[in-house]
Amino acid sequence: MRLELLLTALAALLATTWNPPAPAPVSSPPPPPPPRMATAWPVGTHPAVLRAWDPPATGYGAGHRGVDLAALPGSPVRAVAPGRVSFAGQVAGRGVISVELDGTGDPPLRTTYEPVRPALKKGAKVTAGQQIGTLASPTGHCPASCLHWGLRRAEVYLDPLTLLPPWLLNRGPSRLLPIKGAAER
């Protein structure tokens, strides 16, 4: 009887302390980068990036899920690529407009712009460079006035600057072009 109790206690002890190794988590490959489909900046012609994209380590972790672009209140906010307005309204007291981008798969890429006074309603079709709203007064997100521009595919945040082709990202050197009709010497 003693041996039976001892074996039962030993089995219980082993069951609670011995943990077989967990199977390795299956990691999905990183999503492909978004297509460089933007043809315009959302504000200005080459605004300063006040704060860059800084993805969080976890879904609820600290980070910056977009980029902050310098712009003055009242500046026009433009769609960077063609699509359809999927949301136009208030979120946490800030004006927000979201555009689902055409031809970007399922689920589609979605750009977000805040704080804005939307000029369009949900469902409106937009073209690249079309004004979709006006930059609202600062909300405290930036030390100065800025547009927070975001990019998502479903629940995954992406760097919106990856939508811009190199010719929009880099100003490059100045180039002299011939003037048509100028007198040749």
N, C-alpha and C. Protein backbone atom coordinates (compact mmCIF):
# COMPACT_ATOMS: atom_id res chain seq x y z
N MET A 1 0.82 -1.18 0.00
CA MET A 1 0.00 0.00 0.00
C MET A 1 0.87 1.25 0.00
N ARG A 2 1.93 1.23 0.80
CA ARG A 2 2.85 2.37 0.84
C ARG A 2 3.50 2.58 -0.51
N LEU A 3 3.91 1.53 -1.14
CA LEU A 3 4.55 1.62 -2.43
C LEU A 3 3.56 2.18 -3.46
N GLU A 4 2.32 1.76 -3.36
CA GLU A 4 1.29 2.25 -4.28
C GLU A 4 1.09 3.75 -4.10
N LEU A 5 1.04 4.25 -2.88
CA LEU A 5 0.90 5.69 -2.60
C LEU A 5 2.13 6.45 -3.11
N LEU A 6 3.28 5.88 -2.87
CA LEU A 6 4.52 6.51 -3.32
C LEU A 6 4.54 6.62 -4.85
N LEU A 7 4.15 5.57 -5.55
CA LEU A 7 4.13 5.60 -7.01
C LEU A 7 3.08 6.60 -7.53
N THR A 8 1.94 6.68 -6.89
CA THR A 8 0.90 7.64 -7.29
C THR A 8 1.40 9.07 -7.09
N ALA A 9 2.04 9.34 -5.97
CA ALA A 9 2.57 10.67 -5.69
C ALA A 9 3.67 11.02 -6.69
N LEU A 10 4.53 10.06 -7.00
CA LEU A 10 5.61 10.30 -7.97
C LEU A 10 5.03 10.57 -9.36
N ALA A 11 4.01 9.84 -9.75
CA ALA A 11 3.38 10.05 -11.06
C ALA A 11 2.74 11.44 -11.12
N ALA A 12 2.07 11.86 -10.04
CA ALA A 12 1.46 13.18 -10.00
C ALA A 12 2.52 14.27 -10.07
N LEU A 13 3.62 14.07 -9.37
CA LEU A 13 4.71 15.04 -9.37
C LEU A 13 5.32 15.16 -10.76
N LEU A 14 5.55 14.04 -11.41
CA LEU A 14 6.11 14.06 -12.77
C LEU A 14 5.13 14.72 -13.74
N ALA A 15 3.86 14.48 -13.58
CA ALA A 15 2.86 15.04 -14.50
C ALA A 15 2.80 16.56 -14.39
N THR A 16 3.03 17.10 -13.21
CA THR A 16 2.95 18.55 -13.04
C THR A 16 4.26 19.26 -13.34
N THR A 17 5.39 18.57 -13.27
CA THR A 17 6.67 19.25 -13.49
C THR A 17 7.27 18.97 -14.86
N TRP A 18 6.94 17.87 -15.45
CA TRP A 18 7.53 17.54 -16.75
C TRP A 18 6.69 18.14 -17.85
N ASN A 19 7.26 19.04 -18.62
CA ASN A 19 6.57 19.67 -19.74
C ASN A 19 7.30 19.30 -21.02
N PRO A 20 6.66 18.53 -21.87
CA PRO A 20 7.34 18.22 -23.13
C PRO A 20 7.51 19.52 -23.93
N PRO A 21 8.52 19.58 -24.79
CA PRO A 21 8.73 20.81 -25.55
C PRO A 21 7.52 21.10 -26.44
N ALA A 22 7.14 22.38 -26.45
CA ALA A 22 6.01 22.79 -27.28
C ALA A 22 6.43 22.76 -28.74
N PRO A 23 5.50 22.44 -29.61
CA PRO A 23 5.86 22.47 -31.03
C PRO A 23 6.21 23.89 -31.46
N ALA A 24 7.14 23.99 -32.36
CA ALA A 24 7.57 25.31 -32.84
C ALA A 24 6.38 25.99 -33.50
N PRO A 25 6.18 27.30 -33.19
CA PRO A 25 5.06 27.99 -33.82
C PRO A 25 5.27 28.09 -35.32
N VAL A 26 4.18 27.95 -36.02
CA VAL A 26 4.24 28.08 -37.48
C VAL A 26 4.16 29.56 -37.80
N SER A 27 5.23 30.10 -38.34
CA SER A 27 5.22 31.52 -38.66
C SER A 27 4.87 31.70 -40.13
N SER A 28 4.00 32.65 -40.35
CA SER A 28 3.63 32.93 -41.73
C SER A 28 4.68 33.85 -42.34
N PRO A 29 4.88 33.75 -43.62
CA PRO A 29 5.87 34.62 -44.24
C PRO A 29 5.42 36.06 -44.14
N PRO A 30 6.36 37.00 -44.11
CA PRO A 30 5.96 38.40 -44.03
C PRO A 30 5.16 38.78 -45.28
N PRO A 31 4.21 39.71 -45.10
CA PRO A 31 3.42 40.09 -46.26
C PRO A 31 4.30 40.76 -47.31
N PRO A 32 3.93 40.63 -48.58
CA PRO A 32 4.72 41.29 -49.61
C PRO A 32 4.61 42.79 -49.45
N PRO A 33 5.63 43.53 -49.87
CA PRO A 33 5.54 44.98 -49.73
C PRO A 33 4.43 45.52 -50.63
N PRO A 34 3.80 46.61 -50.21
CA PRO A 34 2.74 47.19 -51.03
C PRO A 34 3.31 47.69 -52.36
N PRO A 35 2.48 47.73 -53.39
CA PRO A 35 2.97 48.26 -54.67
C PRO A 35 3.24 49.76 -54.55
N ARG A 36 4.25 50.23 -55.23
CA ARG A 36 4.58 51.66 -55.21
C ARG A 36 3.64 52.37 -56.19
N MET A 37 2.41 52.55 -55.75
CA MET A 37 1.35 53.02 -56.63
C MET A 37 0.95 54.47 -56.42
N ALA A 38 1.46 55.13 -55.40
CA ALA A 38 1.08 56.52 -55.15
C ALA A 38 1.64 57.42 -56.25
N THR A 39 0.88 58.43 -56.59
CA THR A 39 1.35 59.40 -57.58
C THR A 39 1.44 60.80 -57.01
N ALA A 40 1.12 60.94 -55.72
CA ALA A 40 1.19 62.24 -55.06
C ALA A 40 1.34 62.03 -53.56
N TRP A 41 1.92 63.01 -52.90
CA TRP A 41 1.93 63.03 -51.44
C TRP A 41 0.53 63.40 -50.97
N PRO A 42 0.13 62.99 -49.76
CA PRO A 42 -1.19 63.37 -49.29
C PRO A 42 -1.31 64.86 -48.96
N VAL A 43 -0.18 65.50 -48.61
CA VAL A 43 -0.16 66.95 -48.37
C VAL A 43 1.13 67.51 -48.98
N GLY A 44 1.04 68.69 -49.55
CA GLY A 44 2.23 69.35 -50.10
C GLY A 44 2.86 68.59 -51.25
N THR A 45 4.08 68.99 -51.59
CA THR A 45 4.80 68.33 -52.69
C THR A 45 5.91 67.43 -52.19
N HIS A 46 6.45 67.70 -51.05
CA HIS A 46 7.44 66.83 -50.40
C HIS A 46 7.54 67.26 -48.94
N PRO A 47 6.50 66.94 -48.15
CA PRO A 47 6.46 67.42 -46.76
C PRO A 47 7.53 66.75 -45.90
N ALA A 48 7.92 67.45 -44.86
CA ALA A 48 8.86 66.87 -43.89
C ALA A 48 8.15 65.77 -43.12
N VAL A 49 8.86 64.67 -42.90
CA VAL A 49 8.33 63.58 -42.07
C VAL A 49 8.73 63.91 -40.63
N LEU A 50 7.73 64.29 -39.83
CA LEU A 50 7.99 64.67 -38.44
C LEU A 50 8.21 63.46 -37.55
N ARG A 51 7.54 62.38 -37.87
CA ARG A 51 7.71 61.13 -37.12
C ARG A 51 7.50 59.97 -38.08
N ALA A 52 8.45 59.07 -38.11
CA ALA A 52 8.43 57.94 -39.05
C ALA A 52 7.59 56.79 -38.50
N TRP A 53 7.32 55.85 -39.38
CA TRP A 53 6.61 54.63 -39.02
C TRP A 53 7.49 53.81 -38.10
N ASP A 54 6.94 53.33 -37.00
CA ASP A 54 7.67 52.54 -36.02
C ASP A 54 6.73 51.43 -35.56
N PRO A 55 6.75 50.28 -36.26
CA PRO A 55 5.76 49.24 -35.95
C PRO A 55 5.92 48.70 -34.54
N PRO A 56 4.80 48.40 -33.89
CA PRO A 56 4.87 47.82 -32.55
C PRO A 56 5.37 46.38 -32.61
N ALA A 57 6.00 45.94 -31.53
CA ALA A 57 6.50 44.56 -31.44
C ALA A 57 5.34 43.57 -31.32
N THR A 58 4.24 44.01 -30.71
CA THR A 58 3.05 43.17 -30.56
C THR A 58 1.84 43.98 -30.99
N GLY A 59 0.72 43.32 -31.15
CA GLY A 59 -0.50 43.99 -31.59
C GLY A 59 -0.94 45.14 -30.70
N TYR A 60 -0.62 45.05 -29.42
CA TYR A 60 -1.04 46.09 -28.47
C TYR A 60 0.15 46.87 -27.93
N GLY A 61 1.32 46.67 -28.52
CA GLY A 61 2.52 47.33 -28.02
C GLY A 61 2.63 48.77 -28.47
N ALA A 62 3.60 49.45 -27.87
CA ALA A 62 3.87 50.84 -28.24
C ALA A 62 4.49 50.88 -29.63
N GLY A 63 4.24 51.93 -30.32
CA GLY A 63 4.80 52.11 -31.66
C GLY A 63 4.09 53.26 -32.34
N HIS A 64 4.42 53.49 -33.58
CA HIS A 64 3.76 54.54 -34.37
C HIS A 64 3.29 53.90 -35.65
N ARG A 65 1.99 53.78 -35.80
CA ARG A 65 1.38 52.99 -36.87
C ARG A 65 1.07 53.83 -38.12
N GLY A 66 1.96 54.72 -38.45
CA GLY A 66 1.82 55.58 -39.61
C GLY A 66 2.99 56.54 -39.66
N VAL A 67 2.86 57.60 -40.45
CA VAL A 67 3.87 58.65 -40.48
C VAL A 67 3.16 59.98 -40.28
N ASP A 68 3.86 60.91 -39.65
CA ASP A 68 3.34 62.26 -39.45
C ASP A 68 4.04 63.19 -40.43
N LEU A 69 3.25 63.88 -41.24
CA LEU A 69 3.77 64.77 -42.26
C LEU A 69 3.45 66.22 -41.89
N ALA A 70 4.46 67.09 -41.96
CA ALA A 70 4.27 68.50 -41.62
C ALA A 70 3.31 69.15 -42.62
N ALA A 71 2.33 69.85 -42.10
CA ALA A 71 1.37 70.59 -42.93
C ALA A 71 0.60 71.55 -42.03
N LEU A 72 0.16 72.64 -42.62
CA LEU A 72 -0.59 73.64 -41.88
C LEU A 72 -2.09 73.33 -41.89
N PRO A 73 -2.80 73.68 -40.82
CA PRO A 73 -4.25 73.51 -40.83
C PRO A 73 -4.84 74.22 -42.06
N GLY A 74 -5.83 73.61 -42.65
CA GLY A 74 -6.45 74.16 -43.85
C GLY A 74 -5.82 73.66 -45.14
N SER A 75 -4.69 72.93 -45.03
CA SER A 75 -4.06 72.39 -46.23
C SER A 75 -4.95 71.34 -46.85
N PRO A 76 -4.98 71.28 -48.21
CA PRO A 76 -5.74 70.21 -48.84
C PRO A 76 -5.09 68.85 -48.57
N VAL A 77 -5.92 67.85 -48.30
CA VAL A 77 -5.46 66.47 -48.11
C VAL A 77 -5.94 65.69 -49.33
N ARG A 78 -5.01 65.00 -50.00
CA ARG A 78 -5.32 64.33 -51.26
C ARG A 78 -5.16 62.81 -51.13
N ALA A 79 -5.94 62.09 -51.93
CA ALA A 79 -5.77 60.64 -52.04
C ALA A 79 -4.46 60.39 -52.76
N VAL A 80 -3.67 59.43 -52.28
CA VAL A 80 -2.37 59.16 -52.91
C VAL A 80 -2.50 58.22 -54.10
N ALA A 81 -3.63 57.52 -54.21
CA ALA A 81 -3.84 56.55 -55.29
C ALA A 81 -5.35 56.40 -55.46
N PRO A 82 -5.79 55.85 -56.59
CA PRO A 82 -7.23 55.69 -56.81
C PRO A 82 -7.85 54.66 -55.87
N GLY A 83 -9.12 54.90 -55.55
CA GLY A 83 -9.82 53.97 -54.67
C GLY A 83 -11.23 54.44 -54.37
N ARG A 84 -11.72 53.98 -53.22
CA ARG A 84 -13.07 54.32 -52.79
C ARG A 84 -13.03 54.64 -51.30
N VAL A 85 -13.73 55.70 -50.90
CA VAL A 85 -13.79 56.08 -49.48
C VAL A 85 -14.52 54.98 -48.72
N SER A 86 -13.84 54.40 -47.72
CA SER A 86 -14.45 53.35 -46.92
C SER A 86 -14.93 53.88 -45.57
N PHE A 87 -14.46 55.07 -45.17
CA PHE A 87 -14.91 55.69 -43.92
C PHE A 87 -14.63 57.19 -44.00
N ALA A 88 -15.58 57.97 -43.52
CA ALA A 88 -15.40 59.42 -43.41
C ALA A 88 -16.21 59.86 -42.20
N GLY A 89 -15.52 60.25 -41.13
CA GLY A 89 -16.24 60.65 -39.93
C GLY A 89 -15.29 60.89 -38.77
N GLN A 90 -15.82 60.78 -37.57
CA GLN A 90 -15.07 61.04 -36.35
C GLN A 90 -14.64 59.75 -35.68
N VAL A 91 -13.40 59.72 -35.21
CA VAL A 91 -12.88 58.64 -34.38
C VAL A 91 -12.16 59.30 -33.21
N ALA A 92 -12.64 59.04 -32.02
CA ALA A 92 -12.04 59.62 -30.80
C ALA A 92 -11.92 61.13 -30.92
N GLY A 93 -12.93 61.78 -31.47
CA GLY A 93 -12.96 63.23 -31.55
C GLY A 93 -12.13 63.83 -32.69
N ARG A 94 -11.57 62.99 -33.54
CA ARG A 94 -10.77 63.47 -34.66
C ARG A 94 -11.45 63.08 -35.97
N GLY A 95 -11.36 63.98 -36.95
CA GLY A 95 -11.87 63.67 -38.27
C GLY A 95 -10.93 62.71 -38.97
N VAL A 96 -11.49 61.65 -39.54
CA VAL A 96 -10.69 60.61 -40.22
C VAL A 96 -11.35 60.29 -41.54
N ILE A 97 -10.53 60.06 -42.55
CA ILE A 97 -11.02 59.54 -43.81
C ILE A 97 -10.13 58.38 -44.21
N SER A 98 -10.75 57.29 -44.67
CA SER A 98 -10.03 56.08 -45.10
C SER A 98 -10.40 55.80 -46.55
N VAL A 99 -9.39 55.37 -47.32
CA VAL A 99 -9.60 55.05 -48.73
C VAL A 99 -9.07 53.65 -49.00
N GLU A 100 -9.95 52.75 -49.50
CA GLU A 100 -9.52 51.42 -49.95
C GLU A 100 -8.97 51.58 -51.35
N LEU A 101 -7.73 51.15 -51.56
CA LEU A 101 -7.05 51.38 -52.83
C LEU A 101 -7.41 50.32 -53.86
N ASP A 102 -7.69 50.77 -55.07
CA ASP A 102 -8.07 49.88 -56.17
C ASP A 102 -6.95 48.92 -56.52
N GLY A 103 -7.33 47.68 -56.86
CA GLY A 103 -6.39 46.71 -57.41
C GLY A 103 -5.29 46.26 -56.47
N THR A 104 -5.57 46.25 -55.16
CA THR A 104 -4.52 45.88 -54.21
C THR A 104 -4.79 44.56 -53.51
N GLY A 105 -5.68 43.73 -54.07
CA GLY A 105 -5.88 42.40 -53.51
C GLY A 105 -7.03 42.33 -52.52
N ASP A 106 -7.12 41.14 -51.89
CA ASP A 106 -8.18 40.89 -50.93
C ASP A 106 -7.56 40.34 -49.66
N PRO A 107 -7.61 41.03 -48.57
CA PRO A 107 -8.26 42.32 -48.38
C PRO A 107 -7.43 43.44 -49.02
N PRO A 108 -8.10 44.53 -49.41
CA PRO A 108 -7.38 45.62 -50.08
C PRO A 108 -6.56 46.43 -49.10
N LEU A 109 -5.59 47.15 -49.66
CA LEU A 109 -4.85 48.13 -48.85
C LEU A 109 -5.79 49.28 -48.55
N ARG A 110 -5.61 49.87 -47.35
CA ARG A 110 -6.44 51.00 -46.95
C ARG A 110 -5.55 52.09 -46.36
N THR A 111 -5.64 53.29 -46.93
CA THR A 111 -4.91 54.43 -46.38
C THR A 111 -5.84 55.20 -45.45
N THR A 112 -5.26 55.80 -44.41
CA THR A 112 -6.03 56.60 -43.47
C THR A 112 -5.36 57.96 -43.31
N TYR A 113 -6.17 58.98 -43.08
CA TYR A 113 -5.70 60.35 -42.98
C TYR A 113 -6.41 61.00 -41.79
N GLU A 114 -5.63 61.62 -40.89
CA GLU A 114 -6.23 62.33 -39.76
C GLU A 114 -5.28 63.39 -39.21
N PRO A 115 -5.72 64.45 -38.59
CA PRO A 115 -7.10 64.90 -38.44
C PRO A 115 -7.53 65.67 -39.69
N VAL A 116 -8.65 65.34 -40.23
CA VAL A 116 -9.15 66.00 -41.43
C VAL A 116 -10.62 66.37 -41.29
N ARG A 117 -11.03 67.31 -42.10
CA ARG A 117 -12.45 67.59 -42.31
C ARG A 117 -12.76 66.94 -43.65
N PRO A 118 -13.39 65.76 -43.63
CA PRO A 118 -13.64 65.06 -44.90
C PRO A 118 -14.48 65.89 -45.86
N ALA A 119 -14.11 65.82 -47.15
CA ALA A 119 -14.86 66.50 -48.19
C ALA A 119 -15.76 65.52 -48.94
N LEU A 120 -15.63 64.24 -48.64
CA LEU A 120 -16.37 63.20 -49.35
C LEU A 120 -17.08 62.30 -48.34
N LYS A 121 -18.02 61.54 -48.84
CA LYS A 121 -18.75 60.59 -48.00
C LYS A 121 -18.33 59.17 -48.33
N LYS A 122 -18.64 58.24 -47.42
CA LYS A 122 -18.35 56.83 -47.63
C LYS A 122 -18.93 56.38 -48.96
N GLY A 123 -18.13 55.62 -49.71
CA GLY A 123 -18.56 55.10 -51.00
C GLY A 123 -18.11 55.93 -52.19
N ALA A 124 -17.65 57.17 -51.95
CA ALA A 124 -17.21 58.03 -53.05
C ALA A 124 -15.97 57.45 -53.72
N LYS A 125 -15.95 57.47 -55.03
CA LYS A 125 -14.79 57.03 -55.82
C LYS A 125 -13.81 58.19 -55.87
N VAL A 126 -12.51 57.90 -55.71
CA VAL A 126 -11.49 58.95 -55.76
C VAL A 126 -10.40 58.60 -56.77
N THR A 127 -9.78 59.62 -57.28
CA THR A 127 -8.64 59.45 -58.18
C THR A 127 -7.38 59.88 -57.45
N ALA A 128 -6.23 59.45 -57.93
CA ALA A 128 -4.97 59.84 -57.32
C ALA A 128 -4.82 61.36 -57.42
N GLY A 129 -4.47 61.97 -56.31
CA GLY A 129 -4.27 63.42 -56.26
C GLY A 129 -5.54 64.21 -56.00
N GLN A 130 -6.69 63.56 -55.95
CA GLN A 130 -7.96 64.25 -55.70
C GLN A 130 -8.04 64.68 -54.24
N GLN A 131 -8.54 65.89 -54.00
CA GLN A 131 -8.71 66.35 -52.63
C GLN A 131 -9.84 65.57 -51.98
N ILE A 132 -9.53 65.00 -50.80
CA ILE A 132 -10.52 64.22 -50.06
C ILE A 132 -10.93 64.90 -48.76
N GLY A 133 -10.20 65.96 -48.39
CA GLY A 133 -10.51 66.68 -47.17
C GLY A 133 -9.55 67.83 -46.97
N THR A 134 -9.67 68.44 -45.80
CA THR A 134 -8.83 69.57 -45.42
C THR A 134 -8.24 69.25 -44.06
N LEU A 135 -6.95 69.55 -43.88
CA LEU A 135 -6.30 69.28 -42.61
C LEU A 135 -6.94 70.12 -41.51
N ALA A 136 -7.36 69.45 -40.45
CA ALA A 136 -8.00 70.11 -39.31
C ALA A 136 -6.94 70.66 -38.36
N SER A 137 -7.39 71.38 -37.35
CA SER A 137 -6.48 71.94 -36.34
C SER A 137 -5.76 70.82 -35.61
N PRO A 138 -4.58 71.13 -35.07
CA PRO A 138 -3.81 70.11 -34.34
C PRO A 138 -4.61 69.50 -33.19
N THR A 139 -4.34 68.22 -32.94
CA THR A 139 -5.07 67.48 -31.90
C THR A 139 -4.18 67.09 -30.73
N GLY A 140 -2.91 67.46 -30.77
CA GLY A 140 -1.99 67.05 -29.72
C GLY A 140 -1.18 65.84 -30.10
N HIS A 141 -1.48 65.22 -31.24
CA HIS A 141 -0.71 64.05 -31.69
C HIS A 141 0.72 64.46 -32.05
N CYS A 142 0.86 65.63 -32.65
CA CYS A 142 2.19 66.14 -33.05
C CYS A 142 2.48 67.40 -32.25
N PRO A 143 3.77 67.71 -32.06
CA PRO A 143 4.10 68.96 -31.39
C PRO A 143 3.66 70.18 -32.20
N ALA A 144 3.62 70.03 -33.53
CA ALA A 144 3.14 71.09 -34.43
C ALA A 144 2.02 70.48 -35.25
N SER A 145 1.48 71.24 -36.16
CA SER A 145 0.42 70.72 -37.01
C SER A 145 0.97 69.65 -37.94
N CYS A 146 0.22 68.56 -38.09
CA CYS A 146 0.66 67.48 -38.98
C CYS A 146 -0.52 66.67 -39.46
N LEU A 147 -0.27 65.92 -40.53
CA LEU A 147 -1.21 64.92 -41.00
C LEU A 147 -0.65 63.57 -40.60
N HIS A 148 -1.46 62.76 -39.91
CA HIS A 148 -1.06 61.39 -39.62
C HIS A 148 -1.60 60.54 -40.76
N TRP A 149 -0.69 59.90 -41.51
CA TRP A 149 -1.03 59.10 -42.68
C TRP A 149 -0.71 57.66 -42.37
N GLY A 150 -1.69 56.78 -42.50
CA GLY A 150 -1.50 55.38 -42.18
C GLY A 150 -1.82 54.47 -43.36
N LEU A 151 -1.38 53.21 -43.24
CA LEU A 151 -1.64 52.20 -44.27
C LEU A 151 -1.86 50.87 -43.57
N ARG A 152 -2.92 50.16 -43.98
CA ARG A 152 -3.22 48.84 -43.40
C ARG A 152 -3.68 47.89 -44.49
N ARG A 153 -3.41 46.62 -44.25
CA ARG A 153 -4.05 45.54 -44.99
C ARG A 153 -4.72 44.69 -43.91
N ALA A 154 -6.05 44.72 -43.86
CA ALA A 154 -6.83 44.08 -42.80
C ALA A 154 -6.36 44.67 -41.46
N GLU A 155 -5.84 43.85 -40.57
CA GLU A 155 -5.40 44.34 -39.25
C GLU A 155 -3.90 44.59 -39.18
N VAL A 156 -3.19 44.43 -40.29
CA VAL A 156 -1.74 44.60 -40.29
C VAL A 156 -1.38 46.01 -40.75
N TYR A 157 -0.66 46.73 -39.90
CA TYR A 157 -0.20 48.07 -40.24
C TYR A 157 1.07 47.98 -41.08
N LEU A 158 1.16 48.85 -42.08
CA LEU A 158 2.31 48.90 -42.97
C LEU A 158 2.82 50.33 -43.05
N ASP A 159 4.03 50.49 -43.56
CA ASP A 159 4.63 51.81 -43.71
C ASP A 159 4.03 52.49 -44.95
N PRO A 160 3.29 53.59 -44.78
CA PRO A 160 2.68 54.23 -45.94
C PRO A 160 3.69 54.80 -46.93
N LEU A 161 4.89 55.11 -46.47
CA LEU A 161 5.91 55.64 -47.39
C LEU A 161 6.28 54.63 -48.46
N THR A 162 6.02 53.33 -48.21
CA THR A 162 6.34 52.31 -49.21
C THR A 162 5.43 52.41 -50.44
N LEU A 163 4.34 53.17 -50.34
CA LEU A 163 3.48 53.39 -51.50
C LEU A 163 4.10 54.37 -52.50
N LEU A 164 5.03 55.19 -52.01
CA LEU A 164 5.60 56.25 -52.85
C LEU A 164 6.74 55.72 -53.70
N PRO A 165 6.75 56.02 -55.00
CA PRO A 165 7.87 55.62 -55.84
C PRO A 165 9.09 56.47 -55.52
N PRO A 166 10.29 56.00 -55.88
CA PRO A 166 11.51 56.75 -55.55
C PRO A 166 11.49 58.20 -56.03
N TRP A 167 10.91 58.47 -57.19
CA TRP A 167 10.92 59.85 -57.68
C TRP A 167 10.11 60.79 -56.80
N LEU A 168 9.17 60.28 -56.02
CA LEU A 168 8.44 61.12 -55.07
C LEU A 168 9.15 61.21 -53.73
N LEU A 169 9.85 60.14 -53.35
CA LEU A 169 10.55 60.13 -52.07
C LEU A 169 11.81 60.99 -52.08
N ASN A 170 12.55 60.93 -53.18
CA ASN A 170 13.83 61.64 -53.27
C ASN A 170 13.69 62.80 -54.24
N ARG A 171 14.11 63.93 -53.78
CA ARG A 171 14.02 65.10 -54.65
C ARG A 171 15.06 65.03 -55.77
N GLY A 172 16.21 64.49 -55.48
CA GLY A 172 17.25 64.36 -56.50
C GLY A 172 17.83 65.70 -56.90
N PRO A 173 18.85 65.66 -57.74
CA PRO A 173 19.49 66.91 -58.16
C PRO A 173 18.62 67.65 -59.18
N SER A 174 18.82 68.94 -59.26
CA SER A 174 18.13 69.75 -60.26
C SER A 174 18.67 69.41 -61.64
N ARG A 175 17.80 69.48 -62.63
CA ARG A 175 18.23 69.22 -64.00
C ARG A 175 17.79 70.38 -64.88
N LEU A 176 18.65 70.76 -65.80
CA LEU A 176 18.31 71.79 -66.77
C LEU A 176 17.68 71.11 -67.98
N LEU A 177 16.55 71.63 -68.40
CA LEU A 177 15.86 71.09 -69.56
C LEU A 177 15.89 72.12 -70.67
N PRO A 178 15.87 71.68 -71.91
CA PRO A 178 15.89 72.64 -73.00
C PRO A 178 14.57 73.44 -73.03
N ILE A 179 14.69 74.68 -73.44
CA ILE A 179 13.52 75.54 -73.57
C ILE A 179 13.10 75.49 -75.03
N LYS A 180 11.88 75.10 -75.27
CA LYS A 180 11.39 75.03 -76.65
C LYS A 180 11.27 76.44 -77.23
N GLY A 181 11.73 76.58 -78.43
CA GLY A 181 11.62 77.86 -79.12
C GLY A 181 12.71 78.84 -78.76
N ALA A 182 13.66 78.47 -77.89
CA ALA A 182 14.73 79.40 -77.53
C ALA A 182 15.67 79.55 -78.72
N ALA A 183 16.16 80.74 -78.92
CA ALA A 183 17.09 80.99 -80.03
C ALA A 183 18.39 80.27 -79.80
N GLU A 184 18.87 79.59 -80.83
CA GLU A 184 20.14 78.90 -80.71
C GLU A 184 21.25 79.85 -81.10
N ARG A 185 22.37 79.76 -80.43
CA ARG A 185 23.49 80.65 -80.72
C ARG A 185 24.62 79.91 -81.31
